[in-house]
């Protein structure tokens, strides 16, 4: 379960960075809205998957409130999902 969540977290983090640092500048500087449409859609799907999976794991693995809040807030901060993946789901 955690392996799938870490993969979703990595993809969601990459999609957020692509949206913020590639697609948005392309839209507002070069007036190319196509990138925002596709990268934004991919990011939206991955964001929803990340949040639903985090809530599922909260109940499945009995996470405490602090861990749940950190994991959910990390989804809206650039590089946040990478921090969560490294801090809470690192392999021994």
PDB file of N, CA and C in Angstrom:
ATOM      1  N   UNK A   1       0.814  -1.196   0.000  1.00  0.00           N
ATOM      2  CA  UNK A   1       0.000   0.000   0.000  1.00  0.00           C
ATOM      3  C   UNK A   1       0.860   1.264   0.000  1.00  0.00           C
ATOM      4  N   UNK A   2       1.864   1.281   0.861  1.00  0.00           N
ATOM      5  CA  UNK A   2       2.717   2.466   0.949  1.00  0.00           C
ATOM      6  C   UNK A   2       3.509   2.684  -0.327  1.00  0.00           C
ATOM      7  N   UNK A   3       3.879   1.602  -1.017  1.00  0.00           N
ATOM      8  CA  UNK A   3       4.657   1.735  -2.242  1.00  0.00           C
ATOM      9  C   UNK A   3       3.848   2.461  -3.307  1.00  0.00           C
ATOM     10  N   UNK A   4       2.595   2.109  -3.454  1.00  0.00           N
ATOM     11  CA  UNK A   4       1.731   2.789  -4.414  1.00  0.00           C
ATOM     12  C   UNK A   4       1.559   4.253  -4.030  1.00  0.00           C
ATOM     13  N   UNK A   5       1.372   4.524  -2.742  1.00  0.00           N
ATOM     14  CA  UNK A   5       1.213   5.901  -2.300  1.00  0.00           C
ATOM     15  C   UNK A   5       2.473   6.721  -2.571  1.00  0.00           C
ATOM     16  N   UNK A   6       3.649   6.151  -2.356  1.00  0.00           N
ATOM     17  CA  UNK A   6       4.882   6.898  -2.625  1.00  0.00           C
ATOM     18  C   UNK A   6       5.037   7.175  -4.121  1.00  0.00           C
ATOM     19  N   UNK A   7       4.607   6.253  -4.955  1.00  0.00           N
ATOM     20  CA  UNK A   7       4.658   6.503  -6.399  1.00  0.00           C
ATOM     21  C   UNK A   7       3.687   7.611  -6.800  1.00  0.00           C
ATOM     22  N   UNK A   8       2.498   7.591  -6.227  1.00  0.00           N
ATOM     23  CA  UNK A   8       1.533   8.654  -6.494  1.00  0.00           C
ATOM     24  C   UNK A   8       2.076   9.988  -5.987  1.00  0.00           C
ATOM     25  N   UNK A   9       2.712   9.981  -4.805  1.00  0.00           N
ATOM     26  CA  UNK A   9       3.278  11.208  -4.238  1.00  0.00           C
ATOM     27  C   UNK A   9       4.360  11.788  -5.141  1.00  0.00           C
ATOM     28  N   UNK A  10       5.230  10.944  -5.656  1.00  0.00           N
ATOM     29  CA  UNK A  10       6.286  11.424  -6.561  1.00  0.00           C
ATOM     30  C   UNK A  10       5.688  12.012  -7.835  1.00  0.00           C
ATOM     31  N   UNK A  11       4.732  11.312  -8.434  1.00  0.00           N
ATOM     32  CA  UNK A  11       4.117  11.800  -9.661  1.00  0.00           C
ATOM     33  C   UNK A  11       3.335  13.093  -9.426  1.00  0.00           C
ATOM     34  N   UNK A  12       2.656  13.184  -8.296  1.00  0.00           N
ATOM     35  CA  UNK A  12       1.903  14.394  -7.971  1.00  0.00           C
ATOM     36  C   UNK A  12       2.861  15.565  -7.770  1.00  0.00           C
ATOM     37  N   UNK A  13       3.977  15.317  -7.112  1.00  0.00           N
ATOM     38  CA  UNK A  13       4.979  16.367  -6.912  1.00  0.00           C
ATOM     39  C   UNK A  13       5.587  16.842  -8.218  1.00  0.00           C
ATOM     40  N   UNK A  14       5.890  15.907  -9.095  1.00  0.00           N
ATOM     41  CA  UNK A  14       6.445  16.264 -10.404  1.00  0.00           C
ATOM     42  C   UNK A  14       5.421  17.048 -11.217  1.00  0.00           C
ATOM     43  N   UNK A  15       4.165  16.633 -11.171  1.00  0.00           N
ATOM     44  CA  UNK A  15       3.140  17.337 -11.945  1.00  0.00           C
ATOM     45  C   UNK A  15       2.914  18.753 -11.416  1.00  0.00           C
ATOM     46  N   UNK A  16       2.995  18.937 -10.096  1.00  0.00           N
ATOM     47  CA  UNK A  16       2.852  20.280  -9.534  1.00  0.00           C
ATOM     48  C   UNK A  16       4.005  21.175  -9.978  1.00  0.00           C
ATOM     49  N   UNK A  17       5.215  20.637  -9.929  1.00  0.00           N
ATOM     50  CA  UNK A  17       6.373  21.424 -10.372  1.00  0.00           C
ATOM     51  C   UNK A  17       6.296  21.751 -11.855  1.00  0.00           C
ATOM     52  N   UNK A  18       5.857  20.788 -12.665  1.00  0.00           N
ATOM     53  CA  UNK A  18       5.708  21.039 -14.105  1.00  0.00           C
ATOM     54  C   UNK A  18       4.648  22.108 -14.360  1.00  0.00           C
ATOM     55  N   UNK A  19       3.583  22.059 -13.596  1.00  0.00           N
ATOM     56  CA  UNK A  19       2.524  23.051 -13.753  1.00  0.00           C
ATOM     57  C   UNK A  19       3.009  24.441 -13.359  1.00  0.00           C
ATOM     58  N   UNK A  20       3.671  24.539 -12.210  1.00  0.00           N
ATOM     59  CA  UNK A  20       4.101  25.843 -11.710  1.00  0.00           C
ATOM     60  C   UNK A  20       5.263  26.441 -12.485  1.00  0.00           C
ATOM     61  N   UNK A  21       6.239  25.617 -12.830  1.00  0.00           N
ATOM     62  CA  UNK A  21       7.477  26.145 -13.389  1.00  0.00           C
ATOM     63  C   UNK A  21       7.611  25.978 -14.904  1.00  0.00           C
ATOM     64  N   UNK A  22       6.680  25.278 -15.532  1.00  0.00           N
ATOM     65  CA  UNK A  22       6.711  25.164 -16.989  1.00  0.00           C
ATOM     66  C   UNK A  22       5.407  25.659 -17.614  1.00  0.00           C
ATOM     67  N   UNK A  23       4.302  25.036 -17.227  1.00  0.00           N
ATOM     68  CA  UNK A  23       3.034  25.336 -17.898  1.00  0.00           C
ATOM     69  C   UNK A  23       2.550  26.759 -17.620  1.00  0.00           C
ATOM     70  N   UNK A  24       2.630  27.204 -16.384  1.00  0.00           N
ATOM     71  CA  UNK A  24       2.161  28.559 -16.071  1.00  0.00           C
ATOM     72  C   UNK A  24       3.012  29.630 -16.747  1.00  0.00           C
ATOM     73  N   UNK A  25       4.343  29.534 -16.725  1.00  0.00           N
ATOM     74  CA  UNK A  25       5.120  30.521 -17.498  1.00  0.00           C
ATOM     75  C   UNK A  25       4.813  30.471 -19.001  1.00  0.00           C
ATOM     76  N   UNK A  26       4.607  29.274 -19.531  1.00  0.00           N
ATOM     77  CA  UNK A  26       4.261  29.179 -20.952  1.00  0.00           C
ATOM     78  C   UNK A  26       2.935  29.888 -21.228  1.00  0.00           C
ATOM     79  N   UNK A  27       2.004  29.804 -20.290  1.00  0.00           N
ATOM     80  CA  UNK A  27       0.707  30.450 -20.475  1.00  0.00           C
ATOM     81  C   UNK A  27       0.820  31.972 -20.392  1.00  0.00           C
ATOM     82  N   UNK A  28       1.485  32.467 -19.359  1.00  0.00           N
ATOM     83  CA  UNK A  28       1.475  33.900 -19.108  1.00  0.00           C
ATOM     84  C   UNK A  28       2.577  34.672 -19.826  1.00  0.00           C
ATOM     85  N   UNK A  29       3.649  34.013 -20.209  1.00  0.00           N
ATOM     86  CA  UNK A  29       4.725  34.704 -20.917  1.00  0.00           C
ATOM     87  C   UNK A  29       4.585  34.528 -22.428  1.00  0.00           C
ATOM     88  N   UNK A  30       4.332  33.292 -22.854  1.00  0.00           N
ATOM     89  CA  UNK A  30       4.284  32.996 -24.285  1.00  0.00           C
ATOM     90  C   UNK A  30       2.867  32.771 -24.819  1.00  0.00           C
ATOM     91  N   UNK A  31       1.860  32.909 -23.950  1.00  0.00           N
ATOM     92  CA  UNK A  31       0.455  32.771 -24.327  1.00  0.00           C
ATOM     93  C   UNK A  31       0.151  31.411 -24.963  1.00  0.00           C
ATOM     94  N   UNK A  32       0.767  30.372 -24.417  1.00  0.00           N
ATOM     95  CA  UNK A  32       0.545  28.990 -24.859  1.00  0.00           C
ATOM     96  C   UNK A  32      -0.280  28.267 -23.788  1.00  0.00           C
ATOM     97  N   UNK A  33      -1.576  28.286 -23.907  1.00  0.00           N
ATOM     98  CA  UNK A  33      -2.446  27.714 -22.875  1.00  0.00           C
ATOM     99  C   UNK A  33      -2.580  26.195 -22.954  1.00  0.00           C
ATOM    100  N   UNK A  34      -2.123  25.607 -24.021  1.00  0.00           N
ATOM    101  CA  UNK A  34      -2.266  24.167 -24.216  1.00  0.00           C
ATOM    102  C   UNK A  34      -1.556  23.374 -23.120  1.00  0.00           C
ATOM    103  N   UNK A  35      -0.392  23.830 -22.686  1.00  0.00           N
ATOM    104  CA  UNK A  35       0.365  23.109 -21.661  1.00  0.00           C
ATOM    105  C   UNK A  35      -0.388  23.066 -20.336  1.00  0.00           C
ATOM    106  N   UNK A  36      -1.025  24.171 -19.994  1.00  0.00           N
ATOM    107  CA  UNK A  36      -1.782  24.213 -18.741  1.00  0.00           C
ATOM    108  C   UNK A  36      -2.952  23.242 -18.796  1.00  0.00           C
ATOM    109  N   UNK A  37      -3.563  23.136 -19.937  1.00  0.00           N
ATOM    110  CA  UNK A  37      -4.711  22.239 -20.076  1.00  0.00           C
ATOM    111  C   UNK A  37      -4.317  20.790 -19.778  1.00  0.00           C
ATOM    112  N   UNK A  38      -3.249  20.312 -20.408  1.00  0.00           N
ATOM    113  CA  UNK A  38      -2.883  18.902 -20.249  1.00  0.00           C
ATOM    114  C   UNK A  38      -2.133  18.627 -18.951  1.00  0.00           C
ATOM    115  N   UNK A  39      -1.181  19.458 -18.621  1.00  0.00           N
ATOM    116  CA  UNK A  39      -0.446  19.252 -17.371  1.00  0.00           C
ATOM    117  C   UNK A  39      -1.362  19.506 -16.183  1.00  0.00           C
ATOM    118  N   UNK A  40      -2.230  20.498 -16.305  1.00  0.00           N
ATOM    119  CA  UNK A  40      -3.192  20.775 -15.238  1.00  0.00           C
ATOM    120  C   UNK A  40      -4.154  19.622 -15.014  1.00  0.00           C
ATOM    121  N   UNK A  41      -4.602  19.009 -16.089  1.00  0.00           N
ATOM    122  CA  UNK A  41      -5.511  17.859 -15.969  1.00  0.00           C
ATOM    123  C   UNK A  41      -4.801  16.685 -15.297  1.00  0.00           C
ATOM    124  N   UNK A  42      -3.586  16.412 -15.732  1.00  0.00           N
ATOM    125  CA  UNK A  42      -2.816  15.324 -15.117  1.00  0.00           C
ATOM    126  C   UNK A  42      -2.569  15.605 -13.643  1.00  0.00           C
ATOM    127  N   UNK A  43      -2.218  16.842 -13.340  1.00  0.00           N
ATOM    128  CA  UNK A  43      -1.975  17.197 -11.942  1.00  0.00           C
ATOM    129  C   UNK A  43      -3.258  17.074 -11.118  1.00  0.00           C
ATOM    130  N   UNK A  44      -4.374  17.489 -11.666  1.00  0.00           N
ATOM    131  CA  UNK A  44      -5.639  17.386 -10.941  1.00  0.00           C
ATOM    132  C   UNK A  44      -6.002  15.947 -10.601  1.00  0.00           C
ATOM    133  N   UNK A  45      -5.821  15.069 -11.563  1.00  0.00           N
ATOM    134  CA  UNK A  45      -6.110  13.650 -11.324  1.00  0.00           C
ATOM    135  C   UNK A  45      -5.166  13.081 -10.274  1.00  0.00           C
ATOM    136  N   UNK A  46      -3.880  13.411 -10.387  1.00  0.00           N
ATOM    137  CA  UNK A  46      -2.897  12.911  -9.409  1.00  0.00           C
ATOM    138  C   UNK A  46      -3.130  13.510  -8.025  1.00  0.00           C
ATOM    139  N   UNK A  47      -3.531  14.772  -7.963  1.00  0.00           N
ATOM    140  CA  UNK A  47      -3.827  15.415  -6.681  1.00  0.00           C
ATOM    141  C   UNK A  47      -4.989  14.718  -5.988  1.00  0.00           C
ATOM    142  N   UNK A  48      -6.049  14.453  -6.735  1.00  0.00           N
ATOM    143  CA  UNK A  48      -7.207  13.769  -6.158  1.00  0.00           C
ATOM    144  C   UNK A  48      -6.822  12.360  -5.702  1.00  0.00           C
ATOM    145  N   UNK A  49      -6.048  11.652  -6.509  1.00  0.00           N
ATOM    146  CA  UNK A  49      -5.590  10.309  -6.120  1.00  0.00           C
ATOM    147  C   UNK A  49      -4.747  10.378  -4.852  1.00  0.00           C
ATOM    148  N   UNK A  50      -3.861  11.368  -4.763  1.00  0.00           N
ATOM    149  CA  UNK A  50      -3.003  11.530  -3.581  1.00  0.00           C
ATOM    150  C   UNK A  50      -3.842  11.767  -2.330  1.00  0.00           C
ATOM    151  N   UNK A  51      -4.796  12.684  -2.409  1.00  0.00           N
ATOM    152  CA  UNK A  51      -5.621  13.013  -1.238  1.00  0.00           C
ATOM    153  C   UNK A  51      -6.483  11.825  -0.827  1.00  0.00           C
ATOM    154  N   UNK A  52      -7.133  11.183  -1.779  1.00  0.00           N
ATOM    155  CA  UNK A  52      -7.963  10.026  -1.437  1.00  0.00           C
ATOM    156  C   UNK A  52      -7.115   8.889  -0.859  1.00  0.00           C
ATOM    157  N   UNK A  53      -5.954   8.653  -1.444  1.00  0.00           N
ATOM    158  CA  UNK A  53      -5.090   7.582  -0.958  1.00  0.00           C
ATOM    159  C   UNK A  53      -4.568   7.903   0.441  1.00  0.00           C
ATOM    160  N   UNK A  54      -4.256   9.166   0.695  1.00  0.00           N
ATOM    161  CA  UNK A  54      -3.795   9.568   2.025  1.00  0.00           C
ATOM    162  C   UNK A  54      -4.892   9.356   3.066  1.00  0.00           C
ATOM    163  N   UNK A  55      -6.120   9.707   2.721  1.00  0.00           N
ATOM    164  CA  UNK A  55      -7.237   9.501   3.649  1.00  0.00           C
ATOM    165  C   UNK A  55      -7.479   8.014   3.869  1.00  0.00           C
ATOM    166  N   UNK A  56      -7.386   7.234   2.815  1.00  0.00           N
ATOM    167  CA  UNK A  56      -7.531   5.783   2.945  1.00  0.00           C
ATOM    168  C   UNK A  56      -6.461   5.210   3.883  1.00  0.00           C
ATOM    169  N   UNK A  57      -5.209   5.618   3.674  1.00  0.00           N
ATOM    170  CA  UNK A  57      -4.127   5.114   4.519  1.00  0.00           C
ATOM    171  C   UNK A  57      -4.248   5.600   5.949  1.00  0.00           C
ATOM    172  N   UNK A  58      -4.813   6.773   6.148  1.00  0.00           N
ATOM    173  CA  UNK A  58      -5.009   7.284   7.507  1.00  0.00           C
ATOM    174  C   UNK A  58      -5.839   6.305   8.326  1.00  0.00           C
ATOM    175  N   UNK A  59      -6.907   5.810   7.721  1.00  0.00           N
ATOM    176  CA  UNK A  59      -7.762   4.871   8.435  1.00  0.00           C
ATOM    177  C   UNK A  59      -7.209   3.447   8.402  1.00  0.00           C
ATOM    178  N   UNK A  60      -6.591   3.059   7.299  1.00  0.00           N
ATOM    179  CA  UNK A  60      -6.060   1.705   7.163  1.00  0.00           C
ATOM    180  C   UNK A  60      -4.893   1.461   8.117  1.00  0.00           C
ATOM    181  N   UNK A  61      -4.007   2.452   8.227  1.00  0.00           N
ATOM    182  CA  UNK A  61      -2.804   2.282   9.047  1.00  0.00           C
ATOM    183  C   UNK A  61      -2.862   3.062  10.351  1.00  0.00           C
ATOM    184  N   UNK A  62      -4.019   3.637  10.649  1.00  0.00           N
ATOM    185  CA  UNK A  62      -4.261   4.326  11.907  1.00  0.00           C
ATOM    186  C   UNK A  62      -3.249   5.451  12.159  1.00  0.00           C
ATOM    187  N   UNK A  63      -3.098   6.335  11.166  1.00  0.00           N
ATOM    188  CA  UNK A  63      -2.197   7.479  11.330  1.00  0.00           C
ATOM    189  C   UNK A  63      -2.731   8.421  12.394  1.00  0.00           C
ATOM    190  N   UNK A  64      -1.819   9.109  13.070  1.00  0.00           N
ATOM    191  CA  UNK A  64      -2.251  10.139  14.004  1.00  0.00           C
ATOM    192  C   UNK A  64      -2.623  11.405  13.228  1.00  0.00           C
ATOM    193  N   UNK A  65      -3.224  12.354  13.925  1.00  0.00           N
ATOM    194  CA  UNK A  65      -3.720  13.564  13.278  1.00  0.00           C
ATOM    195  C   UNK A  65      -2.572  14.386  12.686  1.00  0.00           C
ATOM    196  N   UNK A  66      -1.451  14.485  13.393  1.00  0.00           N
ATOM    197  CA  UNK A  66      -0.325  15.282  12.908  1.00  0.00           C
ATOM    198  C   UNK A  66       0.199  14.746  11.572  1.00  0.00           C
ATOM    199  N   UNK A  67       0.407  13.456  11.485  1.00  0.00           N
ATOM    200  CA  UNK A  67       0.915  12.864  10.253  1.00  0.00           C
ATOM    201  C   UNK A  67      -0.069  13.082   9.109  1.00  0.00           C
ATOM    202  N   UNK A  68      -1.343  12.916   9.377  1.00  0.00           N
ATOM    203  CA  UNK A  68      -2.358  13.106   8.347  1.00  0.00           C
ATOM    204  C   UNK A  68      -2.358  14.540   7.829  1.00  0.00           C
ATOM    205  N   UNK A  69      -2.296  15.503   8.734  1.00  0.00           N
ATOM    206  CA  UNK A  69      -2.294  16.908   8.330  1.00  0.00           C
ATOM    207  C   UNK A  69      -1.045  17.239   7.527  1.00  0.00           C
ATOM    208  N   UNK A  70       0.113  16.770   7.976  1.00  0.00           N
ATOM    209  CA  UNK A  70       1.360  17.042   7.257  1.00  0.00           C
ATOM    210  C   UNK A  70       1.292  16.451   5.850  1.00  0.00           C
ATOM    211  N   UNK A  71       0.831  15.234   5.726  1.00  0.00           N
ATOM    212  CA  UNK A  71       0.746  14.570   4.419  1.00  0.00           C
ATOM    213  C   UNK A  71      -0.218  15.314   3.500  1.00  0.00           C
ATOM    214  N   UNK A  72      -1.353  15.755   4.011  1.00  0.00           N
ATOM    215  CA  UNK A  72      -2.326  16.457   3.176  1.00  0.00           C
ATOM    216  C   UNK A  72      -1.866  17.865   2.807  1.00  0.00           C
ATOM    217  N   UNK A  73      -1.272  18.592   3.737  1.00  0.00           N
ATOM    218  CA  UNK A  73      -0.790  19.945   3.436  1.00  0.00           C
ATOM    219  C   UNK A  73       0.364  19.900   2.439  1.00  0.00           C
ATOM    220  N   UNK A  74       1.172  18.852   2.510  1.00  0.00           N
ATOM    221  CA  UNK A  74       2.312  18.720   1.599  1.00  0.00           C
ATOM    222  C   UNK A  74       1.878  18.642   0.142  1.00  0.00           C
ATOM    223  N   UNK A  75       0.646  18.259  -0.099  1.00  0.00           N
ATOM    224  CA  UNK A  75       0.183  18.127  -1.482  1.00  0.00           C
ATOM    225  C   UNK A  75       0.000  19.463  -2.181  1.00  0.00           C
ATOM    226  N   UNK A  76      -0.043  20.562  -1.444  1.00  0.00           N
ATOM    227  CA  UNK A  76      -0.226  21.876  -2.066  1.00  0.00           C
ATOM    228  C   UNK A  76       1.025  22.744  -1.990  1.00  0.00           C
ATOM    229  N   UNK A  77       2.106  22.205  -1.467  1.00  0.00           N
ATOM    230  CA  UNK A  77       3.366  22.933  -1.355  1.00  0.00           C
ATOM    231  C   UNK A  77       4.361  22.339  -2.352  1.00  0.00           C
ATOM    232  N   UNK A  78       4.998  23.181  -3.168  1.00  0.00           N
ATOM    233  CA  UNK A  78       6.010  22.639  -4.076  1.00  0.00           C
ATOM    234  C   UNK A  78       7.088  21.884  -3.300  1.00  0.00           C
ATOM    235  N   UNK A  79       7.459  20.735  -3.777  1.00  0.00           N
ATOM    236  CA  UNK A  79       8.419  19.822  -3.167  1.00  0.00           C
ATOM    237  C   UNK A  79       7.884  19.163  -1.882  1.00  0.00           C
ATOM    238  N   UNK A  80       6.659  19.455  -1.498  1.00  0.00           N
ATOM    239  CA  UNK A  80       6.092  18.908  -0.261  1.00  0.00           C
ATOM    240  C   UNK A  80       5.923  17.402  -0.288  1.00  0.00           C
ATOM    241  N   UNK A  81       5.474  16.871  -1.416  1.00  0.00           N
ATOM    242  CA  UNK A  81       5.268  15.425  -1.486  1.00  0.00           C
ATOM    243  C   UNK A  81       6.596  14.674  -1.451  1.00  0.00           C
ATOM    244  N   UNK A  82       7.646  15.309  -1.954  1.00  0.00           N
ATOM    245  CA  UNK A  82       8.967  14.674  -1.887  1.00  0.00           C
ATOM    246  C   UNK A  82       9.437  14.609  -0.429  1.00  0.00           C
ATOM    247  N   UNK A  83       9.164  15.662   0.328  1.00  0.00           N
ATOM    248  CA  UNK A  83       9.506  15.680   1.755  1.00  0.00           C
ATOM    249  C   UNK A  83       8.747  14.582   2.503  1.00  0.00           C
ATOM    250  N   UNK A  84       7.467  14.480   2.246  1.00  0.00           N
ATOM    251  CA  UNK A  84       6.649  13.459   2.914  1.00  0.00           C
ATOM    252  C   UNK A  84       7.131  12.064   2.554  1.00  0.00           C
ATOM    253  N   UNK A  85       7.402  11.853   1.286  1.00  0.00           N
ATOM    254  CA  UNK A  85       7.858  10.534   0.836  1.00  0.00           C
ATOM    255  C   UNK A  85       9.168  10.167   1.513  1.00  0.00           C
ATOM    256  N   UNK A  86      10.081  11.116   1.625  1.00  0.00           N
ATOM    257  CA  UNK A  86      11.378  10.852   2.264  1.00  0.00           C
ATOM    258  C   UNK A  86      11.256  10.677   3.775  1.00  0.00           C
ATOM    259  N   UNK A  87      10.450  11.534   4.411  1.00  0.00           N
ATOM    260  CA  UNK A  87      10.358  11.547   5.866  1.00  0.00           C
ATOM    261  C   UNK A  87       9.514  10.406   6.431  1.00  0.00           C
ATOM    262  N   UNK A  88       8.345  10.197   5.864  1.00  0.00           N
ATOM    263  CA  UNK A  88       7.396   9.240   6.440  1.00  0.00           C
ATOM    264  C   UNK A  88       7.394   7.868   5.788  1.00  0.00           C
ATOM    265  N   UNK A  89       7.880   7.763   4.568  1.00  0.00           N
ATOM    266  CA  UNK A  89       7.775   6.500   3.852  1.00  0.00           C
ATOM    267  C   UNK A  89       9.117   5.969   3.335  1.00  0.00           C
ATOM    268  N   UNK A  90      10.207   6.404   3.957  1.00  0.00           N
ATOM    269  CA  UNK A  90      11.514   5.920   3.497  1.00  0.00           C
ATOM    270  C   UNK A  90      11.668   4.438   3.819  1.00  0.00           C
ATOM    271  N   UNK A  91      12.395   3.766   2.965  1.00  0.00           N
ATOM    272  CA  UNK A  91      12.634   2.324   3.159  1.00  0.00           C
ATOM    273  C   UNK A  91      13.856   2.137   4.018  1.00  0.00           C
ATOM    274  N   UNK A  92      13.782   1.135   4.867  1.00  0.00           N
ATOM    275  CA  UNK A  92      14.922   0.826   5.753  1.00  0.00           C
ATOM    276  C   UNK A  92      15.906  -0.082   5.087  1.00  0.00           C
TER     277      UNK A  92
END
